[in-house]
Amino acid sequence: MQAEAVEKETYADLTKALQNPLNVLSLDLSLQGITTLPPEIGQLLN
């Protein structure tokens, strides 16, 4: 049996990225207007 490959993608929404942390290739928050990184970002592995 082979494990099913998960395709990683770029997210622009931190909430959605946190719901799928293993699928996150990159996180682009440039359009969110934030000035500091939220602590939840530490939950993402890469």
N, C-alpha and C. Protein backbone atom coordinates (compact mmCIF):
# COMPACT_ATOMS: atom_id res chain seq x y z
N MET A 1 0.83 -1.19 0.00
CA MET A 1 0.00 0.00 0.00
C MET A 1 0.87 1.24 0.00
N GLN A 2 0.47 2.21 -0.79
CA GLN A 2 1.19 3.47 -0.81
C GLN A 2 0.35 4.53 -0.11
N ALA A 3 1.04 5.41 0.61
CA ALA A 3 0.35 6.53 1.22
C ALA A 3 -0.07 7.50 0.13
N GLU A 4 -1.25 8.05 0.29
CA GLU A 4 -1.74 9.01 -0.70
C GLU A 4 -0.95 10.31 -0.58
N ALA A 5 -0.44 10.79 -1.70
CA ALA A 5 0.34 12.03 -1.71
C ALA A 5 -0.59 13.22 -1.52
N VAL A 6 -0.16 14.12 -0.66
CA VAL A 6 -0.93 15.33 -0.41
C VAL A 6 -0.26 16.46 -1.17
N GLU A 7 -1.03 17.13 -2.00
CA GLU A 7 -0.48 18.25 -2.77
C GLU A 7 -0.46 19.50 -1.90
N LYS A 8 0.72 20.07 -1.76
CA LYS A 8 0.86 21.28 -0.96
C LYS A 8 0.49 22.49 -1.80
N GLU A 9 -0.02 23.52 -1.12
CA GLU A 9 -0.44 24.71 -1.84
C GLU A 9 -0.12 25.97 -1.06
N THR A 10 -0.26 27.10 -1.73
CA THR A 10 -0.05 28.39 -1.11
C THR A 10 -1.38 28.88 -0.55
N TYR A 11 -1.36 29.30 0.69
CA TYR A 11 -2.55 29.83 1.35
C TYR A 11 -2.41 31.33 1.55
N ALA A 12 -3.54 32.04 1.50
CA ALA A 12 -3.57 33.47 1.76
C ALA A 12 -4.42 33.76 3.00
N ASP A 13 -4.87 32.71 3.65
CA ASP A 13 -5.73 32.84 4.82
C ASP A 13 -5.15 31.96 5.93
N LEU A 14 -4.75 32.58 7.02
CA LEU A 14 -4.12 31.84 8.12
C LEU A 14 -5.07 30.80 8.70
N THR A 15 -6.34 31.14 8.84
CA THR A 15 -7.31 30.20 9.41
C THR A 15 -7.41 28.93 8.58
N LYS A 16 -7.48 29.09 7.27
CA LYS A 16 -7.55 27.92 6.39
C LYS A 16 -6.25 27.13 6.41
N ALA A 17 -5.14 27.83 6.49
CA ALA A 17 -3.84 27.15 6.56
C ALA A 17 -3.74 26.32 7.83
N LEU A 18 -4.24 26.86 8.94
CA LEU A 18 -4.19 26.13 10.21
C LEU A 18 -5.12 24.92 10.20
N GLN A 19 -6.15 24.94 9.38
CA GLN A 19 -7.06 23.80 9.26
C GLN A 19 -6.42 22.66 8.46
N ASN A 20 -5.41 22.99 7.65
CA ASN A 20 -4.73 22.01 6.80
C ASN A 20 -3.22 22.18 6.90
N PRO A 21 -2.64 22.09 8.08
CA PRO A 21 -1.22 22.43 8.24
C PRO A 21 -0.25 21.58 7.42
N LEU A 22 -0.61 20.35 7.12
CA LEU A 22 0.28 19.49 6.35
C LEU A 22 0.24 19.79 4.85
N ASN A 23 -0.74 20.58 4.43
CA ASN A 23 -0.89 20.91 3.01
C ASN A 23 -0.26 22.25 2.65
N VAL A 24 0.28 22.97 3.63
CA VAL A 24 0.77 24.32 3.39
C VAL A 24 2.18 24.30 2.81
N LEU A 25 2.31 24.83 1.61
CA LEU A 25 3.61 25.02 0.99
C LEU A 25 4.14 26.39 1.38
N SER A 26 3.30 27.39 1.26
CA SER A 26 3.66 28.75 1.67
C SER A 26 2.41 29.48 2.13
N LEU A 27 2.64 30.56 2.86
CA LEU A 27 1.55 31.36 3.41
C LEU A 27 1.81 32.81 3.04
N ASP A 28 0.92 33.39 2.26
CA ASP A 28 1.06 34.78 1.81
C ASP A 28 0.02 35.64 2.53
N LEU A 29 0.48 36.38 3.53
CA LEU A 29 -0.42 37.23 4.30
C LEU A 29 -0.27 38.70 3.91
N SER A 30 0.33 38.96 2.77
CA SER A 30 0.62 40.34 2.37
C SER A 30 -0.64 41.19 2.18
N LEU A 31 -1.75 40.60 1.83
CA LEU A 31 -2.98 41.36 1.61
C LEU A 31 -3.84 41.46 2.87
N GLN A 32 -3.37 40.91 3.98
CA GLN A 32 -4.16 40.90 5.21
C GLN A 32 -4.02 42.18 6.02
N GLY A 33 -3.02 42.99 5.73
CA GLY A 33 -2.84 44.25 6.45
C GLY A 33 -2.37 44.08 7.89
N ILE A 34 -1.71 42.96 8.17
CA ILE A 34 -1.22 42.74 9.53
C ILE A 34 0.16 43.37 9.70
N THR A 35 0.46 43.79 10.92
CA THR A 35 1.77 44.40 11.19
C THR A 35 2.66 43.50 12.04
N THR A 36 2.06 42.52 12.71
CA THR A 36 2.83 41.54 13.49
C THR A 36 2.29 40.15 13.18
N LEU A 37 3.15 39.18 13.30
CA LEU A 37 2.72 37.80 13.05
C LEU A 37 1.94 37.28 14.25
N PRO A 38 0.78 36.68 14.01
CA PRO A 38 0.02 36.10 15.10
C PRO A 38 0.74 34.87 15.66
N PRO A 39 0.62 34.61 16.95
CA PRO A 39 1.31 33.46 17.56
C PRO A 39 0.90 32.12 16.96
N GLU A 40 -0.30 32.03 16.42
CA GLU A 40 -0.78 30.77 15.82
C GLU A 40 0.06 30.32 14.65
N ILE A 41 0.79 31.24 14.06
CA ILE A 41 1.61 30.89 12.89
C ILE A 41 2.66 29.84 13.26
N GLY A 42 3.01 29.77 14.53
CA GLY A 42 3.97 28.78 15.00
C GLY A 42 3.48 27.35 14.91
N GLN A 43 2.19 27.16 14.68
CA GLN A 43 1.63 25.82 14.54
C GLN A 43 1.94 25.20 13.18
N LEU A 44 2.36 26.03 12.23
CA LEU A 44 2.71 25.54 10.90
C LEU A 44 4.16 25.05 10.92
N LEU A 45 4.41 23.92 10.30
CA LEU A 45 5.70 23.28 10.41
C LEU A 45 6.77 23.86 9.51
N ASN A 46 6.40 24.34 8.36
CA ASN A 46 7.42 24.78 7.41
C ASN A 46 7.29 26.25 7.13
